[in-house]
């Protein structure tokens, strides 16, 4: 939360000492609404001065080829209320206000609230009721759908964007998450591809949602990567999904397959008695994290004893 300055605190104290009623503070014609209006109009005036290169009524503005040309009234929907503001115009029509773009009737903060509620699984009607109950804002279901649809368009554009030719490392994995679709909550697989580019920076290459994770669907993703410009991947980090290494090799023939260390440790512990799992897991993590064989950093004798025990148990199971 942003801390207010001493000057702002003194101003607030002065306002509160005047004994304003809740209606005078928060009502239709209250101070809060007036402050919103004044703040937005001040920002727009400053942006216009920056666009033209001179302040209002300044001599520097004469014969510059462009000047102020009055104002246009517009009712804007904020996150808490509707505010009528005056938007300045210029004679050339080249002024593009960023706070309230041309043709826009709501501030971006309202869109952010709607999108946040939608991302949490709220329906169009739920969002409408929530905004009306909490903020007193009446928004039609059609407007809410328009806001969410605009995000979907951006998402489709992002998903189809061109990628780099080469990625030294790409991580492929799927998360099982609960999603709401048509009022029903169920588990679905979100496929993730996280690449490390030539600058050493991580880049989320894409997200795909299906009913279940499968090597066949991963192969379609690799084909999509080819169409988006990816020519090579040096190392592909994956889990133990059956058929996934073969799918990678079909798309990127020179790629090295690196199995996930977490899955390696987890699979190894299947052969370890429960009472020894924590100790063996700690040693395995140290080994996998070592730069070379001489820097294992674990008690060799203890580890050898555990390995002998594991070998004995494995042979015993094979005989059974």
C-alpha atoms as a PDB file:
ATOM      1  CA  UNK A   1       0.000   0.000   0.000  1.00  0.00           C
ATOM      2  CA  UNK A   2       1.342   3.461  -0.950  1.00  0.00           C
ATOM      3  CA  UNK A   3       2.097   5.682   2.056  1.00  0.00           C
ATOM      4  CA  UNK A   4       0.693   9.204   1.989  1.00  0.00           C
ATOM      5  CA  UNK A   5       2.929  12.222   2.511  1.00  0.00           C
ATOM      6  CA  UNK A   6       2.786  14.569   5.479  1.00  0.00           C
ATOM      7  CA  UNK A   7       1.218  17.260   3.304  1.00  0.00           C
ATOM      8  CA  UNK A   8      -1.489  14.853   2.124  1.00  0.00           C
ATOM      9  CA  UNK A   9      -2.191  13.798   5.723  1.00  0.00           C
ATOM     10  CA  UNK A  10      -2.569  17.423   6.814  1.00  0.00           C
ATOM     11  CA  UNK A  11      -4.997  18.044   3.956  1.00  0.00           C
ATOM     12  CA  UNK A  12      -7.066  14.993   4.932  1.00  0.00           C
ATOM     13  CA  UNK A  13      -7.141  16.098   8.569  1.00  0.00           C
ATOM     14  CA  UNK A  14      -8.352  19.538   7.515  1.00  0.00           C
ATOM     15  CA  UNK A  15     -11.162  18.033   5.420  1.00  0.00           C
ATOM     16  CA  UNK A  16     -12.284  15.745   8.238  1.00  0.00           C
ATOM     17  CA  UNK A  17     -12.278  18.602  10.757  1.00  0.00           C
ATOM     18  CA  UNK A  18     -14.833  20.469   8.628  1.00  0.00           C
ATOM     19  CA  UNK A  19     -17.419  17.903   9.776  1.00  0.00           C
ATOM     20  CA  UNK A  20     -18.541  16.709   6.341  1.00  0.00           C
ATOM     21  CA  UNK A  21     -21.440  14.274   6.263  1.00  0.00           C
ATOM     22  CA  UNK A  22     -21.151  10.896   4.467  1.00  0.00           C
ATOM     23  CA  UNK A  23     -23.391  12.287   1.718  1.00  0.00           C
ATOM     24  CA  UNK A  24     -21.129  15.305   1.275  1.00  0.00           C
ATOM     25  CA  UNK A  25     -18.110  13.025   1.132  1.00  0.00           C
ATOM     26  CA  UNK A  26     -19.340  10.011  -0.883  1.00  0.00           C
ATOM     27  CA  UNK A  27     -22.668  11.117  -2.387  1.00  0.00           C
ATOM     28  CA  UNK A  28     -23.636  11.808  -5.999  1.00  0.00           C
ATOM     29  CA  UNK A  29     -22.245  15.344  -5.787  1.00  0.00           C
ATOM     30  CA  UNK A  30     -19.772  14.630  -3.002  1.00  0.00           C
ATOM     31  CA  UNK A  31     -16.122  15.482  -2.554  1.00  0.00           C
ATOM     32  CA  UNK A  32     -14.790  12.079  -3.660  1.00  0.00           C
ATOM     33  CA  UNK A  33     -16.483  12.283  -7.042  1.00  0.00           C
ATOM     34  CA  UNK A  34     -15.328  15.882  -7.502  1.00  0.00           C
ATOM     35  CA  UNK A  35     -11.752  14.836  -6.727  1.00  0.00           C
ATOM     36  CA  UNK A  36     -11.927  12.066  -9.328  1.00  0.00           C
ATOM     37  CA  UNK A  37     -13.218  14.503 -11.930  1.00  0.00           C
ATOM     38  CA  UNK A  38     -10.612  17.148 -11.102  1.00  0.00           C
ATOM     39  CA  UNK A  39      -7.732  14.647 -11.067  1.00  0.00           C
ATOM     40  CA  UNK A  40      -8.626  13.143 -14.476  1.00  0.00           C
ATOM     41  CA  UNK A  41      -9.141  16.541 -16.098  1.00  0.00           C
ATOM     42  CA  UNK A  42      -5.816  17.805 -14.683  1.00  0.00           C
ATOM     43  CA  UNK A  43      -3.976  14.811 -16.122  1.00  0.00           C
ATOM     44  CA  UNK A  44      -5.626  15.338 -19.513  1.00  0.00           C
ATOM     45  CA  UNK A  45      -4.686  19.034 -19.515  1.00  0.00           C
ATOM     46  CA  UNK A  46      -1.063  18.195 -18.691  1.00  0.00           C
ATOM     47  CA  UNK A  47      -0.958  15.626 -21.494  1.00  0.00           C
ATOM     48  CA  UNK A  48      -2.381  18.192 -23.927  1.00  0.00           C
ATOM     49  CA  UNK A  49       0.270  20.740 -22.898  1.00  0.00           C
ATOM     50  CA  UNK A  50       2.952  18.093 -23.433  1.00  0.00           C
ATOM     51  CA  UNK A  51       1.467  17.202 -26.839  1.00  0.00           C
ATOM     52  CA  UNK A  52       1.326  20.820 -28.054  1.00  0.00           C
ATOM     53  CA  UNK A  53       4.562  21.900 -26.388  1.00  0.00           C
ATOM     54  CA  UNK A  54       3.167  24.892 -24.501  1.00  0.00           C
ATOM     55  CA  UNK A  55       0.882  25.708 -21.567  1.00  0.00           C
ATOM     56  CA  UNK A  56      -2.640  27.185 -21.974  1.00  0.00           C
ATOM     57  CA  UNK A  57      -2.717  30.876 -23.025  1.00  0.00           C
ATOM     58  CA  UNK A  58       1.053  30.854 -23.573  1.00  0.00           C
ATOM     59  CA  UNK A  59       2.608  33.109 -26.219  1.00  0.00           C
ATOM     60  CA  UNK A  60       4.805  30.231 -27.378  1.00  0.00           C
ATOM     61  CA  UNK A  61       1.718  28.641 -28.909  1.00  0.00           C
ATOM     62  CA  UNK A  62       1.198  31.290 -31.570  1.00  0.00           C
ATOM     63  CA  UNK A  63       1.729  30.213 -35.179  1.00  0.00           C
ATOM     64  CA  UNK A  64       2.762  26.674 -34.194  1.00  0.00           C
ATOM     65  CA  UNK A  65       0.320  25.018 -36.578  1.00  0.00           C
ATOM     66  CA  UNK A  66      -1.764  23.427 -33.840  1.00  0.00           C
ATOM     67  CA  UNK A  67      -3.649  24.723 -30.803  1.00  0.00           C
ATOM     68  CA  UNK A  68      -6.377  23.881 -28.312  1.00  0.00           C
ATOM     69  CA  UNK A  69      -9.876  23.587 -29.725  1.00  0.00           C
ATOM     70  CA  UNK A  70     -12.249  23.455 -26.777  1.00  0.00           C
ATOM     71  CA  UNK A  71     -13.361  20.379 -24.852  1.00  0.00           C
ATOM     72  CA  UNK A  72     -15.700  17.438 -25.235  1.00  0.00           C
ATOM     73  CA  UNK A  73     -17.841  16.193 -22.369  1.00  0.00           C
ATOM     74  CA  UNK A  74     -17.712  12.464 -21.716  1.00  0.00           C
ATOM     75  CA  UNK A  75     -19.170  10.219 -19.026  1.00  0.00           C
ATOM     76  CA  UNK A  76     -16.563   7.698 -17.892  1.00  0.00           C
ATOM     77  CA  UNK A  77     -17.182   4.557 -15.871  1.00  0.00           C
ATOM     78  CA  UNK A  78     -14.523   4.176 -13.165  1.00  0.00           C
ATOM     79  CA  UNK A  79     -14.104   1.243 -10.790  1.00  0.00           C
ATOM     80  CA  UNK A  80     -16.409   2.915  -8.254  1.00  0.00           C
ATOM     81  CA  UNK A  81     -18.674   5.376 -10.053  1.00  0.00           C
ATOM     82  CA  UNK A  82     -19.611   7.250 -13.227  1.00  0.00           C
ATOM     83  CA  UNK A  83     -17.833  10.585 -13.654  1.00  0.00           C
ATOM     84  CA  UNK A  84     -18.501  13.281 -16.245  1.00  0.00           C
ATOM     85  CA  UNK A  85     -15.257  14.867 -17.457  1.00  0.00           C
ATOM     86  CA  UNK A  86     -14.216  17.420 -20.069  1.00  0.00           C
ATOM     87  CA  UNK A  87     -11.643  16.041 -22.524  1.00  0.00           C
ATOM     88  CA  UNK A  88      -9.513  18.700 -24.309  1.00  0.00           C
ATOM     89  CA  UNK A  89      -9.249  18.724 -28.119  1.00  0.00           C
ATOM     90  CA  UNK A  90      -6.671  20.112 -30.533  1.00  0.00           C
ATOM     91  CA  UNK A  91      -7.407  21.607 -33.960  1.00  0.00           C
ATOM     92  CA  UNK A  92      -5.441  18.962 -35.877  1.00  0.00           C
ATOM     93  CA  UNK A  93      -7.167  16.123 -34.044  1.00  0.00           C
ATOM     94  CA  UNK A  94      -3.803  14.489 -33.314  1.00  0.00           C
ATOM     95  CA  UNK A  95      -4.160  14.403 -29.511  1.00  0.00           C
ATOM     96  CA  UNK A  96      -4.575  10.801 -28.305  1.00  0.00           C
ATOM     97  CA  UNK A  97      -5.379  10.747 -24.561  1.00  0.00           C
ATOM     98  CA  UNK A  98      -4.029   7.621 -22.847  1.00  0.00           C
ATOM     99  CA  UNK A  99      -6.053   7.969 -19.637  1.00  0.00           C
ATOM    100  CA  UNK A 100      -9.355   7.818 -21.523  1.00  0.00           C
ATOM    101  CA  UNK A 101      -8.680   6.799 -25.155  1.00  0.00           C
ATOM    102  CA  UNK A 102     -10.925   8.073 -27.932  1.00  0.00           C
ATOM    103  CA  UNK A 103     -14.152   6.100 -28.054  1.00  0.00           C
ATOM    104  CA  UNK A 104     -13.552   4.547 -24.621  1.00  0.00           C
ATOM    105  CA  UNK A 105     -16.191   4.942 -21.922  1.00  0.00           C
ATOM    106  CA  UNK A 106     -14.473   3.200 -19.028  1.00  0.00           C
ATOM    107  CA  UNK A 107     -11.093   3.269 -17.303  1.00  0.00           C
ATOM    108  CA  UNK A 108      -8.694   0.310 -17.549  1.00  0.00           C
ATOM    109  CA  UNK A 109      -8.998  -0.340 -13.795  1.00  0.00           C
ATOM    110  CA  UNK A 110     -12.618  -1.434 -14.298  1.00  0.00           C
ATOM    111  CA  UNK A 111     -11.540  -3.923 -16.966  1.00  0.00           C
ATOM    112  CA  UNK A 112      -8.885  -5.268 -14.599  1.00  0.00           C
ATOM    113  CA  UNK A 113     -11.482  -5.927 -11.886  1.00  0.00           C
ATOM    114  CA  UNK A 114     -13.807  -7.712 -14.321  1.00  0.00           C
ATOM    115  CA  UNK A 115     -10.965  -9.835 -15.729  1.00  0.00           C
ATOM    116  CA  UNK A 116      -9.728 -10.725 -12.227  1.00  0.00           C
ATOM    117  CA  UNK A 117     -13.203 -11.934 -11.232  1.00  0.00           C
ATOM    118  CA  UNK A 118     -13.589 -13.829 -14.501  1.00  0.00           C
ATOM    119  CA  UNK A 119     -10.203 -15.523 -14.004  1.00  0.00           C
ATOM    120  CA  UNK A 120     -11.384 -16.771 -10.597  1.00  0.00           C
ATOM    121  CA  UNK A 121     -14.261 -18.615 -12.241  1.00  0.00           C
ATOM    122  CA  UNK A 122     -17.060 -16.085 -11.658  1.00  0.00           C
ATOM    123  CA  UNK A 123     -19.863 -16.108 -14.189  1.00  0.00           C
ATOM    124  CA  UNK A 124     -21.060 -13.019 -16.048  1.00  0.00           C
ATOM    125  CA  UNK A 125     -24.052 -12.686 -13.715  1.00  0.00           C
ATOM    126  CA  UNK A 126     -21.852 -13.158 -10.626  1.00  0.00           C
ATOM    127  CA  UNK A 127     -19.553 -10.337 -11.767  1.00  0.00           C
ATOM    128  CA  UNK A 128     -22.538  -8.090 -12.437  1.00  0.00           C
ATOM    129  CA  UNK A 129     -24.015  -8.733  -8.978  1.00  0.00           C
ATOM    130  CA  UNK A 130     -20.642  -8.304  -7.255  1.00  0.00           C
ATOM    131  CA  UNK A 131     -19.884  -4.909  -8.833  1.00  0.00           C
ATOM    132  CA  UNK A 132     -23.389  -3.644  -8.152  1.00  0.00           C
ATOM    133  CA  UNK A 133     -23.401  -4.794  -4.532  1.00  0.00           C
ATOM    134  CA  UNK A 134     -19.891  -3.625  -3.618  1.00  0.00           C
ATOM    135  CA  UNK A 135     -19.444  -0.487  -5.742  1.00  0.00           C
ATOM    136  CA  UNK A 136     -22.991   0.378  -6.810  1.00  0.00           C
ATOM    137  CA  UNK A 137     -21.991   0.058 -10.473  1.00  0.00           C
ATOM    138  CA  UNK A 138     -24.610  -1.169 -12.925  1.00  0.00           C
ATOM    139  CA  UNK A 139     -22.934  -2.985 -15.814  1.00  0.00           C
ATOM    140  CA  UNK A 140     -24.758  -5.056 -18.384  1.00  0.00           C
ATOM    141  CA  UNK A 141     -23.785  -8.686 -19.024  1.00  0.00           C
ATOM    142  CA  UNK A 142     -23.049  -7.694 -22.630  1.00  0.00           C
ATOM    143  CA  UNK A 143     -20.389  -5.194 -21.515  1.00  0.00           C
ATOM    144  CA  UNK A 144     -18.789  -7.787 -19.236  1.00  0.00           C
ATOM    145  CA  UNK A 145     -18.666 -10.249 -22.134  1.00  0.00           C
ATOM    146  CA  UNK A 146     -17.032  -7.596 -24.339  1.00  0.00           C
ATOM    147  CA  UNK A 147     -14.319  -7.027 -21.705  1.00  0.00           C
ATOM    148  CA  UNK A 148     -13.551 -10.739 -21.323  1.00  0.00           C
ATOM    149  CA  UNK A 149     -13.656 -11.318 -25.095  1.00  0.00           C
ATOM    150  CA  UNK A 150     -11.053  -8.582 -25.623  1.00  0.00           C
ATOM    151  CA  UNK A 151      -8.694 -10.515 -23.350  1.00  0.00           C
ATOM    152  CA  UNK A 152      -9.314 -13.700 -25.334  1.00  0.00           C
ATOM    153  CA  UNK A 153      -8.311 -11.905 -28.531  1.00  0.00           C
ATOM    154  CA  UNK A 154      -5.050 -10.730 -26.911  1.00  0.00           C
ATOM    155  CA  UNK A 155      -4.434 -14.258 -25.646  1.00  0.00           C
ATOM    156  CA  UNK A 156      -4.875 -15.764 -29.127  1.00  0.00           C
ATOM    157  CA  UNK A 157      -2.463 -13.169 -30.564  1.00  0.00           C
ATOM    158  CA  UNK A 158       0.105 -13.931 -27.853  1.00  0.00           C
ATOM    159  CA  UNK A 159      -0.247 -17.691 -28.371  1.00  0.00           C
ATOM    160  CA  UNK A 160       0.447 -17.352 -32.111  1.00  0.00           C
ATOM    161  CA  UNK A 161       3.373 -14.892 -31.856  1.00  0.00           C
ATOM    162  CA  UNK A 162       6.652 -15.758 -33.634  1.00  0.00           C
ATOM    163  CA  UNK A 163       9.369 -17.409 -31.508  1.00  0.00           C
ATOM    164  CA  UNK A 164      13.167 -17.398 -31.618  1.00  0.00           C
ATOM    165  CA  UNK A 165      14.987 -19.749 -33.979  1.00  0.00           C
ATOM    166  CA  UNK A 166      16.966 -21.491 -31.222  1.00  0.00           C
ATOM    167  CA  UNK A 167      16.379 -22.164 -27.530  1.00  0.00           C
ATOM    168  CA  UNK A 168      19.249 -23.748 -25.557  1.00  0.00           C
ATOM    169  CA  UNK A 169      16.822 -25.196 -22.992  1.00  0.00           C
ATOM    170  CA  UNK A 170      13.064 -25.790 -23.023  1.00  0.00           C
ATOM    171  CA  UNK A 171      11.097 -27.217 -20.109  1.00  0.00           C
ATOM    172  CA  UNK A 172       7.959 -29.187 -20.974  1.00  0.00           C
ATOM    173  CA  UNK A 173       5.437 -30.106 -18.296  1.00  0.00           C
ATOM    174  CA  UNK A 174       1.717 -30.201 -17.575  1.00  0.00           C
ATOM    175  CA  UNK A 175      -0.126 -29.053 -14.462  1.00  0.00           C
ATOM    176  CA  UNK A 176      -3.428 -30.563 -13.389  1.00  0.00           C
ATOM    177  CA  UNK A 177      -5.709 -27.733 -12.272  1.00  0.00           C
ATOM    178  CA  UNK A 178      -9.379 -27.370 -11.450  1.00  0.00           C
ATOM    179  CA  UNK A 179     -11.313 -25.334 -14.031  1.00  0.00           C
ATOM    180  CA  UNK A 180     -14.900 -24.213 -14.332  1.00  0.00           C
ATOM    181  CA  UNK A 181     -16.628 -24.777 -17.659  1.00  0.00           C
ATOM    182  CA  UNK A 182     -20.378 -24.459 -18.226  1.00  0.00           C
ATOM    183  CA  UNK A 183     -20.875 -24.343 -14.468  1.00  0.00           C
ATOM    184  CA  UNK A 184     -19.020 -27.630 -13.877  1.00  0.00           C
ATOM    185  CA  UNK A 185     -15.665 -27.854 -12.036  1.00  0.00           C
ATOM    186  CA  UNK A 186     -13.290 -30.555 -13.243  1.00  0.00           C
ATOM    187  CA  UNK A 187      -9.585 -31.332 -13.550  1.00  0.00           C
ATOM    188  CA  UNK A 188      -7.830 -30.403 -16.770  1.00  0.00           C
ATOM    189  CA  UNK A 189      -4.217 -30.515 -17.942  1.00  0.00           C
ATOM    190  CA  UNK A 190      -2.473 -27.194 -18.620  1.00  0.00           C
ATOM    191  CA  UNK A 191       0.547 -27.871 -20.864  1.00  0.00           C
ATOM    192  CA  UNK A 192       3.412 -25.416 -20.302  1.00  0.00           C
ATOM    193  CA  UNK A 193       6.530 -24.774 -22.372  1.00  0.00           C
ATOM    194  CA  UNK A 194       9.155 -22.620 -20.641  1.00  0.00           C
ATOM    195  CA  UNK A 195      12.171 -21.731 -22.757  1.00  0.00           C
ATOM    196  CA  UNK A 196      15.560 -20.243 -21.928  1.00  0.00           C
ATOM    197  CA  UNK A 197      16.634 -17.991 -24.803  1.00  0.00           C
ATOM    198  CA  UNK A 198      20.151 -17.181 -26.044  1.00  0.00           C
ATOM    199  CA  UNK A 199      20.356 -14.278 -23.562  1.00  0.00           C
ATOM    200  CA  UNK A 200      19.770 -16.625 -20.629  1.00  0.00           C
ATOM    201  CA  UNK A 201      16.295 -15.251 -19.983  1.00  0.00           C
ATOM    202  CA  UNK A 202      13.273 -17.431 -19.269  1.00  0.00           C
ATOM    203  CA  UNK A 203      10.366 -17.066 -21.685  1.00  0.00           C
ATOM    204  CA  UNK A 204       6.948 -18.678 -21.463  1.00  0.00           C
ATOM    205  CA  UNK A 205       6.434 -20.016 -24.964  1.00  0.00           C
ATOM    206  CA  UNK A 206       2.820 -21.046 -24.589  1.00  0.00           C
ATOM    207  CA  UNK A 207       0.005 -22.623 -22.599  1.00  0.00           C
ATOM    208  CA  UNK A 208      -2.434 -25.253 -23.871  1.00  0.00           C
ATOM    209  CA  UNK A 209      -5.398 -26.782 -22.022  1.00  0.00           C
ATOM    210  CA  UNK A 210      -6.739 -30.294 -22.688  1.00  0.00           C
ATOM    211  CA  UNK A 211      -8.614 -32.967 -20.792  1.00  0.00           C
ATOM    212  CA  UNK A 212      -5.476 -35.071 -20.176  1.00  0.00           C
ATOM    213  CA  UNK A 213      -1.739 -34.923 -20.781  1.00  0.00           C
ATOM    214  CA  UNK A 214      -0.467 -37.091 -23.611  1.00  0.00           C
ATOM    215  CA  UNK A 215       2.571 -37.494 -25.864  1.00  0.00           C
ATOM    216  CA  UNK A 216       0.384 -37.175 -28.968  1.00  0.00           C
ATOM    217  CA  UNK A 217      -0.792 -33.717 -27.941  1.00  0.00           C
ATOM    218  CA  UNK A 218       2.782 -32.703 -27.093  1.00  0.00           C
ATOM    219  CA  UNK A 219       3.791 -33.683 -30.633  1.00  0.00           C
ATOM    220  CA  UNK A 220       1.171 -31.268 -32.016  1.00  0.00           C
ATOM    221  CA  UNK A 221       2.706 -28.532 -29.822  1.00  0.00           C
ATOM    222  CA  UNK A 222       6.190 -29.268 -31.201  1.00  0.00           C
ATOM    223  CA  UNK A 223       4.775 -29.030 -34.735  1.00  0.00           C
ATOM    224  CA  UNK A 224       3.278 -25.670 -33.795  1.00  0.00           C
ATOM    225  CA  UNK A 225       6.713 -24.531 -32.569  1.00  0.00           C
ATOM    226  CA  UNK A 226       8.136 -25.382 -35.996  1.00  0.00           C
ATOM    227  CA  UNK A 227       5.439 -23.273 -37.652  1.00  0.00           C
ATOM    228  CA  UNK A 228       6.216 -20.374 -35.283  1.00  0.00           C
ATOM    229  CA  UNK A 229       9.892 -20.339 -36.240  1.00  0.00           C
ATOM    230  CA  UNK A 230      11.662 -22.640 -33.754  1.00  0.00           C
ATOM    231  CA  UNK A 231      14.355 -24.616 -35.583  1.00  0.00           C
ATOM    232  CA  UNK A 232      16.346 -26.208 -32.789  1.00  0.00           C
ATOM    233  CA  UNK A 233      16.372 -26.990 -29.069  1.00  0.00           C
ATOM    234  CA  UNK A 234      19.605 -28.118 -27.400  1.00  0.00           C
ATOM    235  CA  UNK A 235      18.198 -29.622 -24.188  1.00  0.00           C
ATOM    236  CA  UNK A 236      14.583 -30.631 -23.525  1.00  0.00           C
ATOM    237  CA  UNK A 237      13.746 -31.081 -19.825  1.00  0.00           C
ATOM    238  CA  UNK A 238      10.769 -33.384 -19.302  1.00  0.00           C
ATOM    239  CA  UNK A 239       9.194 -35.709 -16.765  1.00  0.00           C
ATOM    240  CA  UNK A 240       8.691 -39.433 -17.186  1.00  0.00           C
ATOM    241  CA  UNK A 241       5.640 -39.260 -19.466  1.00  0.00           C
ATOM    242  CA  UNK A 242       5.616 -42.284 -21.751  1.00  0.00           C
ATOM    243  CA  UNK A 243       6.261 -41.412 -25.397  1.00  0.00           C
ATOM    244  CA  UNK A 244       7.293 -37.807 -24.734  1.00  0.00           C
ATOM    245  CA  UNK A 245      11.050 -38.275 -25.458  1.00  0.00           C
ATOM    246  CA  UNK A 246      10.190 -39.948 -28.771  1.00  0.00           C
ATOM    247  CA  UNK A 247       7.866 -37.053 -29.680  1.00  0.00           C
ATOM    248  CA  UNK A 248      10.648 -34.547 -28.967  1.00  0.00           C
ATOM    249  CA  UNK A 249      13.157 -36.495 -31.050  1.00  0.00           C
ATOM    250  CA  UNK A 250      10.703 -36.577 -33.949  1.00  0.00           C
ATOM    251  CA  UNK A 251      10.475 -32.762 -33.946  1.00  0.00           C
ATOM    252  CA  UNK A 252      14.011 -31.828 -32.820  1.00  0.00           C
ATOM    253  CA  UNK A 253      16.305 -34.646 -33.903  1.00  0.00           C
ATOM    254  CA  UNK A 254      19.458 -33.248 -32.248  1.00  0.00           C
ATOM    255  CA  UNK A 255      17.865 -32.361 -28.893  1.00  0.00           C
ATOM    256  CA  UNK A 256      19.227 -33.967 -25.725  1.00  0.00           C
ATOM    257  CA  UNK A 257      16.563 -35.307 -23.352  1.00  0.00           C
ATOM    258  CA  UNK A 258      17.053 -34.397 -19.685  1.00  0.00           C
ATOM    259  CA  UNK A 259      14.687 -36.116 -17.276  1.00  0.00           C
ATOM    260  CA  UNK A 260      13.405 -34.011 -14.387  1.00  0.00           C
ATOM    261  CA  UNK A 261      15.518 -34.534 -11.249  1.00  0.00           C
ATOM    262  CA  UNK A 262      12.445 -34.362  -9.030  1.00  0.00           C
ATOM    263  CA  UNK A 263      10.884 -37.254 -10.921  1.00  0.00           C
ATOM    264  CA  UNK A 264      14.155 -39.197 -10.809  1.00  0.00           C
ATOM    265  CA  UNK A 265      14.377 -38.842  -7.040  1.00  0.00           C
ATOM    266  CA  UNK A 266      10.698 -39.661  -6.620  1.00  0.00           C
ATOM    267  CA  UNK A 267      10.975 -42.813  -8.745  1.00  0.00           C
ATOM    268  CA  UNK A 268      14.131 -43.915  -6.923  1.00  0.00           C
ATOM    269  CA  UNK A 269      12.405 -43.651  -3.572  1.00  0.00           C
ATOM    270  CA  UNK A 270       9.927 -46.328  -4.654  1.00  0.00           C
ATOM    271  CA  UNK A 271      12.665 -48.875  -3.838  1.00  0.00           C
ATOM    272  CA  UNK A 272      13.579 -47.351  -0.463  1.00  0.00           C
ATOM    273  CA  UNK A 273      12.087 -48.414   2.891  1.00  0.00           C
ATOM    274  CA  UNK A 274       9.939 -45.652   4.359  1.00  0.00           C
ATOM    275  CA  UNK A 275      12.230 -45.114   7.375  1.00  0.00           C
ATOM    276  CA  UNK A 276      15.229 -44.361   5.072  1.00  0.00           C
ATOM    277  CA  UNK A 277      13.508 -42.206   2.446  1.00  0.00           C
ATOM    278  CA  UNK A 278      14.376 -38.794   3.890  1.00  0.00           C
ATOM    279  CA  UNK A 279      18.077 -39.624   4.207  1.00  0.00           C
ATOM    280  CA  UNK A 280      18.340 -41.169   0.744  1.00  0.00           C
ATOM    281  CA  UNK A 281      16.363 -38.303  -0.846  1.00  0.00           C
ATOM    282  CA  UNK A 282      18.732 -35.734   0.703  1.00  0.00           C
ATOM    283  CA  UNK A 283      21.773 -37.633  -0.638  1.00  0.00           C
ATOM    284  CA  UNK A 284      20.284 -37.995  -4.117  1.00  0.00           C
ATOM    285  CA  UNK A 285      19.510 -34.281  -4.312  1.00  0.00           C
ATOM    286  CA  UNK A 286      23.100 -33.484  -3.337  1.00  0.00           C
ATOM    287  CA  UNK A 287      24.438 -35.839  -6.017  1.00  0.00           C
ATOM    288  CA  UNK A 288      22.203 -34.436  -8.753  1.00  0.00           C
ATOM    289  CA  UNK A 289      23.181 -30.904  -7.721  1.00  0.00           C
ATOM    290  CA  UNK A 290      26.954 -31.599  -7.850  1.00  0.00           C
ATOM    291  CA  UNK A 291      28.946 -30.123 -10.734  1.00  0.00           C
ATOM    292  CA  UNK A 292      31.102 -33.260 -11.143  1.00  0.00           C
ATOM    293  CA  UNK A 293      31.782 -36.664  -9.592  1.00  0.00           C
ATOM    294  CA  UNK A 294      34.389 -35.346  -7.147  1.00  0.00           C
ATOM    295  CA  UNK A 295      31.917 -32.908  -5.553  1.00  0.00           C
ATOM    296  CA  UNK A 296      29.143 -35.189  -4.421  1.00  0.00           C
ATOM    297  CA  UNK A 297      29.523 -33.818  -0.908  1.00  0.00           C
ATOM    298  CA  UNK A 298      27.858 -36.784   0.857  1.00  0.00           C
ATOM    299  CA  UNK A 299      29.031 -39.465   3.221  1.00  0.00           C
ATOM    300  CA  UNK A 300      30.327 -42.071   0.742  1.00  0.00           C
ATOM    301  CA  UNK A 301      30.343 -44.923   3.220  1.00  0.00           C
ATOM    302  CA  UNK A 302      26.768 -44.220   4.379  1.00  0.00           C
ATOM    303  CA  UNK A 303      25.568 -43.886   0.802  1.00  0.00           C
ATOM    304  CA  UNK A 304      27.277 -47.095  -0.250  1.00  0.00           C
ATOM    305  CA  UNK A 305      25.610 -48.941   2.615  1.00  0.00           C
ATOM    306  CA  UNK A 306      22.212 -47.644   1.544  1.00  0.00           C
ATOM    307  CA  UNK A 307      22.895 -48.521  -2.085  1.00  0.00           C
ATOM    308  CA  UNK A 308      23.886 -52.050  -1.067  1.00  0.00           C
ATOM    309  CA  UNK A 309      20.670 -52.312   0.883  1.00  0.00           C
ATOM    310  CA  UNK A 310      18.692 -51.085  -2.116  1.00  0.00           C
ATOM    311  CA  UNK A 311      20.411 -53.573  -4.431  1.00  0.00           C
ATOM    312  CA  UNK A 312      19.652 -56.383  -2.004  1.00  0.00           C
ATOM    313  CA  UNK A 313      15.978 -55.400  -1.821  1.00  0.00           C
ATOM    314  CA  UNK A 314      15.764 -55.090  -5.612  1.00  0.00           C
ATOM    315  CA  UNK A 315      17.219 -58.589  -6.130  1.00  0.00           C
ATOM    316  CA  UNK A 316      14.873 -59.960  -3.506  1.00  0.00           C
ATOM    317  CA  UNK A 317      11.860 -58.463  -5.291  1.00  0.00           C
ATOM    318  CA  UNK A 318      13.023 -59.808  -8.641  1.00  0.00           C
ATOM    319  CA  UNK A 319      13.232 -63.335  -7.148  1.00  0.00           C
ATOM    320  CA  UNK A 320       9.728 -63.013  -5.731  1.00  0.00           C
END
